[in-house]
PDB file of N, CA and C in Angstrom:
ATOM      1  N   MET A   1      72.688 129.394  42.290  1.00  0.00           N
ATOM      2  CA  MET A   1      71.820 129.094  43.723  1.00  0.00           C
ATOM      3  C   MET A   1      72.771 128.755  44.605  1.00  0.00           C
ATOM      4  N   THR A   2      72.469 129.130  45.863  1.00  0.00           N
ATOM      5  CA  THR A   2      73.504 129.126  46.783  1.00  0.00           C
ATOM      6  C   THR A   2      72.863 127.444  47.449  1.00  0.00           C
ATOM      7  N   ALA A   3      73.480 127.212  48.431  1.00  0.00           N
ATOM      8  CA  ALA A   3      73.524 125.865  49.122  1.00  0.00           C
ATOM      9  C   ALA A   3      72.933 125.969  50.322  1.00  0.00           C
ATOM     10  N   ARG A   4      72.018 126.494  50.213  1.00  0.00           N
ATOM     11  CA  ARG A   4      71.510 126.880  51.428  1.00  0.00           C
ATOM     12  C   ARG A   4      69.982 125.728  51.961  1.00  0.00           C
ATOM     13  N   GLY A   5      69.495 125.394  50.636  1.00  0.00           N
ATOM     14  CA  GLY A   5      68.709 123.718  50.565  1.00  0.00           C
ATOM     15  C   GLY A   5      67.197 124.285  50.771  1.00  0.00           C
ATOM     16  N   VAL A   6      66.290 123.391  50.751  1.00  0.00           N
ATOM     17  CA  VAL A   6      64.884 123.891  50.429  1.00  0.00           C
ATOM     18  C   VAL A   6      64.739 124.879  51.913  1.00  0.00           C
ATOM     19  N   GLU A   7      64.935 124.311  53.120  1.00  0.00           N
ATOM     20  CA  GLU A   7      64.628 124.907  54.058  1.00  0.00           C
ATOM     21  C   GLU A   7      64.881 126.375  54.204  1.00  0.00           C
ATOM     22  N   GLY A   8      66.097 126.815  53.658  1.00  0.00           N
ATOM     23  CA  GLY A   8      66.555 128.182  53.345  1.00  0.00           C
ATOM     24  C   GLY A   8      66.097 129.121  51.864  1.00  0.00           C
ATOM     25  N   ARG A   9      65.288 128.527  51.618  1.00  0.00           N
ATOM     26  CA  ARG A   9      64.373 129.034  50.263  1.00  0.00           C
ATOM     27  C   ARG A   9      62.937 128.986  51.008  1.00  0.00           C
ATOM     28  N   ARG A  10      62.246 128.871  51.890  1.00  0.00           N
ATOM     29  CA  ARG A  10      61.123 128.659  51.867  1.00  0.00           C
ATOM     30  C   ARG A  10      60.746 129.481  53.466  1.00  0.00           C
ATOM     31  N   ILE A  11      60.211 130.589  52.979  1.00  0.00           N
ATOM     32  CA  ILE A  11      59.363 131.443  54.168  1.00  0.00           C
ATOM     33  C   ILE A  11      57.867 131.477  54.442  1.00  0.00           C
ATOM     34  N   THR A  12      57.261 131.853  55.635  1.00  0.00           N
ATOM     35  CA  THR A  12      56.408 131.865  55.833  1.00  0.00           C
ATOM     36  C   THR A  12      55.768 133.692  55.613  1.00  0.00           C
ATOM     37  N   ALA A  13      55.099 133.851  55.288  1.00  0.00           N
ATOM     38  CA  ALA A  13      54.273 135.228  55.234  1.00  0.00           C
ATOM     39  C   ALA A  13      52.857 135.489  55.607  1.00  0.00           C
ATOM     40  N   ARG A  14      52.370 136.666  55.809  1.00  0.00           N
ATOM     41  CA  ARG A  14      50.731 136.910  55.915  1.00  0.00           C
ATOM     42  C   ARG A  14      50.854 136.933  54.385  1.00  0.00           C
ATOM     43  N   ARG A  15      49.023 136.402  53.720  1.00  0.00           N
ATOM     44  CA  ARG A  15      49.142 137.240  52.427  1.00  0.00           C
ATOM     45  C   ARG A  15      48.905 138.349  52.592  1.00  0.00           C
ATOM     46  N   HIS A  16      48.198 139.224  53.399  1.00  0.00           N
ATOM     47  CA  HIS A  16      47.681 140.623  53.479  1.00  0.00           C
ATOM     48  C   HIS A  16      49.406 140.964  53.019  1.00  0.00           C
ATOM     49  N   ASP A  17      50.174 140.845  53.830  1.00  0.00           N
ATOM     50  CA  ASP A  17      51.562 141.595  54.310  1.00  0.00           C
ATOM     51  C   ASP A  17      52.374 141.104  52.610  1.00  0.00           C
ATOM     52  N   PHE A  18      52.222 140.440  51.987  1.00  0.00           N
ATOM     53  CA  PHE A  18      52.707 140.072  50.962  1.00  0.00           C
ATOM     54  C   PHE A  18      52.092 141.113  50.047  1.00  0.00           C
ATOM     55  N   LEU A  19      50.783 141.130  49.792  1.00  0.00           N
ATOM     56  CA  LEU A  19      49.686 141.410  48.676  1.00  0.00           C
ATOM     57  C   LEU A  19      50.485 143.318  48.935  1.00  0.00           C
ATOM     58  N   GLU A  20      50.833 143.847  49.654  1.00  0.00           N
ATOM     59  CA  GLU A  20      51.103 144.935  50.734  1.00  0.00           C
ATOM     60  C   GLU A  20      52.377 145.067  50.303  1.00  0.00           C
ATOM     61  N   TYR A  21      53.285 143.926  49.832  1.00  0.00           N
ATOM     62  CA  TYR A  21      54.825 144.421  49.714  1.00  0.00           C
ATOM     63  C   TYR A  21      55.118 144.670  50.746  1.00  0.00           C
ATOM     64  N   LYS A  22      54.900 143.894  51.598  1.00  0.00           N
ATOM     65  CA  LYS A  22      55.915 144.079  53.603  1.00  0.00           C
ATOM     66  C   LYS A  22      56.848 142.855  53.717  1.00  0.00           C
ATOM     67  N   THR A  23      56.172 142.110  52.665  1.00  0.00           N
ATOM     68  CA  THR A  23      57.603 141.004  53.286  1.00  0.00           C
ATOM     69  C   THR A  23      58.787 140.987  51.948  1.00  0.00           C
ATOM     70  N   VAL A  24      59.449 140.734  53.025  1.00  0.00           N
ATOM     71  CA  VAL A  24      61.185 140.810  52.658  1.00  0.00           C
ATOM     72  C   VAL A  24      61.982 140.133  51.902  1.00  0.00           C
ATOM     73  N   CYS A  25      62.792 139.830  50.922  1.00  0.00           N
ATOM     74  CA  CYS A  25      63.430 138.659  50.375  1.00  0.00           C
ATOM     75  C   CYS A  25      64.367 138.671  51.860  1.00  0.00           C
ATOM     76  N   PRO A  26      64.594 137.011  52.314  1.00  0.00           N
ATOM     77  CA  PRO A  26      65.399 136.783  53.331  1.00  0.00           C
ATOM     78  C   PRO A  26      66.790 136.352  53.152  1.00  0.00           C
ATOM     79  N   PHE A  27      67.054 136.965  51.429  1.00  0.00           N
ATOM     80  CA  PHE A  27      68.305 137.414  51.472  1.00  0.00           C
ATOM     81  C   PHE A  27      69.248 138.492  51.391  1.00  0.00           C
ATOM     82  N   CYS A  28      68.311 139.350  50.795  1.00  0.00           N
ATOM     83  CA  CYS A  28      69.143 141.022  50.811  1.00  0.00           C
ATOM     84  C   CYS A  28      67.962 141.993  51.797  1.00  0.00           C
ATOM     85  N   GLY A  29      66.778 141.314  51.696  1.00  0.00           N
ATOM     86  CA  GLY A  29      65.905 142.671  52.244  1.00  0.00           C
ATOM     87  C   GLY A  29      64.857 143.070  51.822  1.00  0.00           C
ATOM     88  N   GLU A  30      65.224 143.034  50.640  1.00  0.00           N
ATOM     89  CA  GLU A  30      64.302 143.840  49.595  1.00  0.00           C
ATOM     90  C   GLU A  30      62.899 143.188  49.907  1.00  0.00           C
ATOM     91  N   PRO A  31      61.640 144.910  49.487  1.00  0.00           N
ATOM     92  CA  PRO A  31      60.888 144.084  49.743  1.00  0.00           C
ATOM     93  C   PRO A  31      59.960 143.834  48.255  1.00  0.00           C
ATOM     94  N   VAL A  32      59.684 142.588  48.716  1.00  0.00           N
ATOM     95  CA  VAL A  32      58.754 141.805  47.383  1.00  0.00           C
ATOM     96  C   VAL A  32      57.161 141.929  48.082  1.00  0.00           C
ATOM     97  N   GLY A  33      56.479 141.366  46.712  1.00  0.00           N
ATOM     98  CA  GLY A  33      55.147 141.100  46.711  1.00  0.00           C
ATOM     99  C   GLY A  33      54.261 140.584  45.418  1.00  0.00           C
ATOM    100  N   PRO A  34      53.448 141.020  44.524  1.00  0.00           N
ATOM    101  CA  PRO A  34      52.656 140.010  43.685  1.00  0.00           C
ATOM    102  C   PRO A  34      53.050 139.843  42.658  1.00  0.00           C
ATOM    103  N   ARG A  35      54.115 141.156  42.015  1.00  0.00           N
ATOM    104  CA  ARG A  35      54.650 141.134  41.079  1.00  0.00           C
ATOM    105  C   ARG A  35      55.888 140.776  40.536  1.00  0.00           C
ATOM    106  N   PHE A  36      56.613 140.098  41.699  1.00  0.00           N
ATOM    107  CA  PHE A  36      57.919 139.410  41.916  1.00  0.00           C
ATOM    108  C   PHE A  36      57.490 137.486  41.894  1.00  0.00           C
ATOM    109  N   VAL A  37      56.310 137.640  41.347  1.00  0.00           N
ATOM    110  CA  VAL A  37      55.968 135.835  41.772  1.00  0.00           C
ATOM    111  C   VAL A  37      56.166 135.266  40.130  1.00  0.00           C
ATOM    112  N   THR A  38      56.935 134.203  40.370  1.00  0.00           N
ATOM    113  CA  THR A  38      57.183 133.821  39.258  1.00  0.00           C
ATOM    114  C   THR A  38      55.982 132.637  38.991  1.00  0.00           C
ATOM    115  N   ARG A  39      55.381 131.508  40.122  1.00  0.00           N
ATOM    116  CA  ARG A  39      54.332 130.589  40.097  1.00  0.00           C
ATOM    117  C   ARG A  39      53.582 130.501  41.302  1.00  0.00           C
ATOM    118  N   GLU A  40      52.638 130.276  40.886  1.00  0.00           N
ATOM    119  CA  GLU A  40      51.658 130.428  42.481  1.00  0.00           C
ATOM    120  C   GLU A  40      51.470 128.496  42.713  1.00  0.00           C
ATOM    121  N   HIS A  41      51.563 128.081  43.687  1.00  0.00           N
ATOM    122  CA  HIS A  41      51.241 126.749  43.802  1.00  0.00           C
ATOM    123  C   HIS A  41      50.362 126.283  44.983  1.00  0.00           C
ATOM    124  N   SER A  42      49.375 125.071  44.569  1.00  0.00           N
ATOM    125  CA  SER A  42      48.033 124.864  45.199  1.00  0.00           C
ATOM    126  C   SER A  42      48.037 123.700  46.024  1.00  0.00           C
ATOM    127  N   ASP A  43      49.245 123.206  46.284  1.00  0.00           N
ATOM    128  CA  ASP A  43      49.430 121.606  46.615  1.00  0.00           C
ATOM    129  C   ASP A  43      50.038 121.848  48.124  1.00  0.00           C
ATOM    130  N   VAL A  44      50.152 123.342  48.839  1.00  0.00           N
ATOM    131  CA  VAL A  44      50.149 123.435  50.482  1.00  0.00           C
ATOM    132  C   VAL A  44      48.863 123.773  50.833  1.00  0.00           C
ATOM    133  N   PRO A  45      48.419 123.119  51.935  1.00  0.00           N
ATOM    134  CA  PRO A  45      46.924 124.163  52.662  1.00  0.00           C
ATOM    135  C   PRO A  45      47.526 125.186  52.789  1.00  0.00           C
ATOM    136  N   PRO A  46      45.988 126.058  53.343  1.00  0.00           N
ATOM    137  CA  PRO A  46      44.733 126.177  53.805  1.00  0.00           C
ATOM    138  C   PRO A  46      44.383 126.992  52.202  1.00  0.00           C
ATOM    139  N   ASN A  47      43.955 127.514  52.195  1.00  0.00           N
ATOM    140  CA  ASN A  47      43.366 128.705  50.812  1.00  0.00           C
ATOM    141  C   ASN A  47      44.320 128.890  49.107  1.00  0.00           C
ATOM    142  N   PRO A  48      43.636 129.088  48.108  1.00  0.00           N
ATOM    143  CA  PRO A  48      44.580 128.941  46.773  1.00  0.00           C
ATOM    144  C   PRO A  48      44.611 130.477  47.261  1.00  0.00           C
ATOM    145  N   PRO A  49      45.554 131.433  46.369  1.00  0.00           N
ATOM    146  CA  PRO A  49      47.126 130.647  46.622  1.00  0.00           C
ATOM    147  C   PRO A  49      47.926 130.228  47.701  1.00  0.00           C
ATOM    148  N   TYR A  50      48.032 128.626  47.873  1.00  0.00           N
ATOM    149  CA  TYR A  50      48.813 128.421  48.957  1.00  0.00           C
ATOM    150  C   TYR A  50      50.159 128.992  49.263  1.00  0.00           C
ATOM    151  N   ALA A  51      50.880 129.196  47.820  1.00  0.00           N
ATOM    152  CA  ALA A  51      52.299 129.531  48.153  1.00  0.00           C
ATOM    153  C   ALA A  51      52.811 129.753  46.776  1.00  0.00           C
ATOM    154  N   ALA A  52      53.667 130.741  46.641  1.00  0.00           N
ATOM    155  CA  ALA A  52      54.327 131.358  45.845  1.00  0.00           C
ATOM    156  C   ALA A  52      55.463 131.410  45.149  1.00  0.00           C
ATOM    157  N   SER A  53      56.230 131.004  43.999  1.00  0.00           N
ATOM    158  CA  SER A  53      57.622 131.315  43.835  1.00  0.00           C
ATOM    159  C   SER A  53      57.953 132.603  43.357  1.00  0.00           C
ATOM    160  N   VAL A  54      59.250 132.918  43.880  1.00  0.00           N
ATOM    161  CA  VAL A  54      59.420 134.556  44.043  1.00  0.00           C
ATOM    162  C   VAL A  54      60.175 134.689  43.609  1.00  0.00           C
ATOM    163  N   LYS A  55      60.956 135.756  42.635  1.00  0.00           N
ATOM    164  CA  LYS A  55      62.490 136.161  42.442  1.00  0.00           C
ATOM    165  C   LYS A  55      62.418 137.419  42.359  1.00  0.00           C
ATOM    166  N   CYS A  56      63.427 137.555  43.741  1.00  0.00           N
ATOM    167  CA  CYS A  56      63.779 139.113  44.023  1.00  0.00           C
ATOM    168  C   CYS A  56      64.630 140.220  42.779  1.00  0.00           C
ATOM    169  N   PRO A  57      63.963 141.040  42.454  1.00  0.00           N
ATOM    170  CA  PRO A  57      64.022 142.023  42.065  1.00  0.00           C
ATOM    171  C   PRO A  57      65.638 142.533  42.110  1.00  0.00           C
ATOM    172  N   ARG A  58      66.013 142.737  43.149  1.00  0.00           N
ATOM    173  CA  ARG A  58      67.584 143.213  43.753  1.00  0.00           C
ATOM    174  C   ARG A  58      68.254 142.231  43.399  1.00  0.00           C
ATOM    175  N   CYS A  59      68.563 141.119  43.934  1.00  0.00           N
ATOM    176  CA  CYS A  59      69.713 139.811  44.328  1.00  0.00           C
ATOM    177  C   CYS A  59      69.273 138.989  43.317  1.00  0.00           C
ATOM    178  N   ARG A  60      68.289 138.611  43.086  1.00  0.00           N
ATOM    179  CA  ARG A  60      67.298 137.670  41.703  1.00  0.00           C
ATOM    180  C   ARG A  60      67.132 136.141  42.235  1.00  0.00           C
ATOM    181  N   GLU A  61      67.661 136.014  43.626  1.00  0.00           N
ATOM    182  CA  GLU A  61      67.143 134.572  44.009  1.00  0.00           C
ATOM    183  C   GLU A  61      65.962 133.962  44.297  1.00  0.00           C
ATOM    184  N   LEU A  62      65.783 133.305  44.093  1.00  0.00           N
ATOM    185  CA  LEU A  62      64.508 132.267  44.073  1.00  0.00           C
ATOM    186  C   LEU A  62      64.796 131.475  45.098  1.00  0.00           C
ATOM    187  N   TYR A  63      62.983 131.764  45.921  1.00  0.00           N
ATOM    188  CA  TYR A  63      62.364 131.082  46.980  1.00  0.00           C
ATOM    189  C   TYR A  63      61.280 131.135  47.495  1.00  0.00           C
ATOM    190  N   GLU A  64      60.396 130.344  48.261  1.00  0.00           N
ATOM    191  CA  GLU A  64      59.150 130.301  47.650  1.00  0.00           C
ATOM    192  C   GLU A  64      58.144 130.693  49.593  1.00  0.00           C
ATOM    193  N   VAL A  65      57.211 131.418  49.095  1.00  0.00           N
ATOM    194  CA  VAL A  65      56.612 132.067  50.454  1.00  0.00           C
ATOM    195  C   VAL A  65      55.280 131.415  50.283  1.00  0.00           C
ATOM    196  N   VAL A  66      55.489 130.747  51.765  1.00  0.00           N
ATOM    197  CA  VAL A  66      54.135 130.192  52.032  1.00  0.00           C
ATOM    198  C   VAL A  66      52.910 131.136  53.006  1.00  0.00           C
ATOM    199  N   PHE A  67      51.971 131.198  52.749  1.00  0.00           N
ATOM    200  CA  PHE A  67      51.316 131.966  52.905  1.00  0.00           C
ATOM    201  C   PHE A  67      50.268 131.244  54.281  1.00  0.00           C
ATOM    202  N   SER A  68      50.109 131.950  55.338  1.00  0.00           N
ATOM    203  CA  SER A  68      49.435 131.781  56.584  1.00  0.00           C
ATOM    204  C   SER A  68      49.136 133.132  56.901  1.00  0.00           C
ATOM    205  N   ASP A  69      47.869 133.092  58.319  1.00  0.00           N
ATOM    206  CA  ASP A  69      47.541 134.099  58.811  1.00  0.00           C
ATOM    207  C   ASP A  69      48.082 134.291  60.462  1.00  0.00           C
ATOM    208  N   GLU A  70      48.418 133.166  60.420  1.00  0.00           N
ATOM    209  CA  GLU A  70      48.973 133.141  61.868  1.00  0.00           C
ATOM    210  C   GLU A  70      50.761 133.326  62.173  1.00  0.00           C
ATOM    211  N   VAL A  71      51.584 134.262  61.105  1.00  0.00           N
ATOM    212  CA  VAL A  71      52.950 134.875  60.975  1.00  0.00           C
ATOM    213  C   VAL A  71      52.993 135.619  62.555  1.00  0.00           C
TER     214      VAL A  71
END
């Protein structure tokens, strides 16, 4: 794990873009989507799933995608 901290491991994306694999890994730029989710989080508002932990298939970095319709 790199020393980027929590903020460096959290991105915001439109849920529709994530489902269509239009969201990219912040570390290597690889397109990611629901297939790479390791955990869904329900403690981040507004609608479930609110966020998801993702493991990039290329660089293997772990990070969190927070869903928003206002990105």
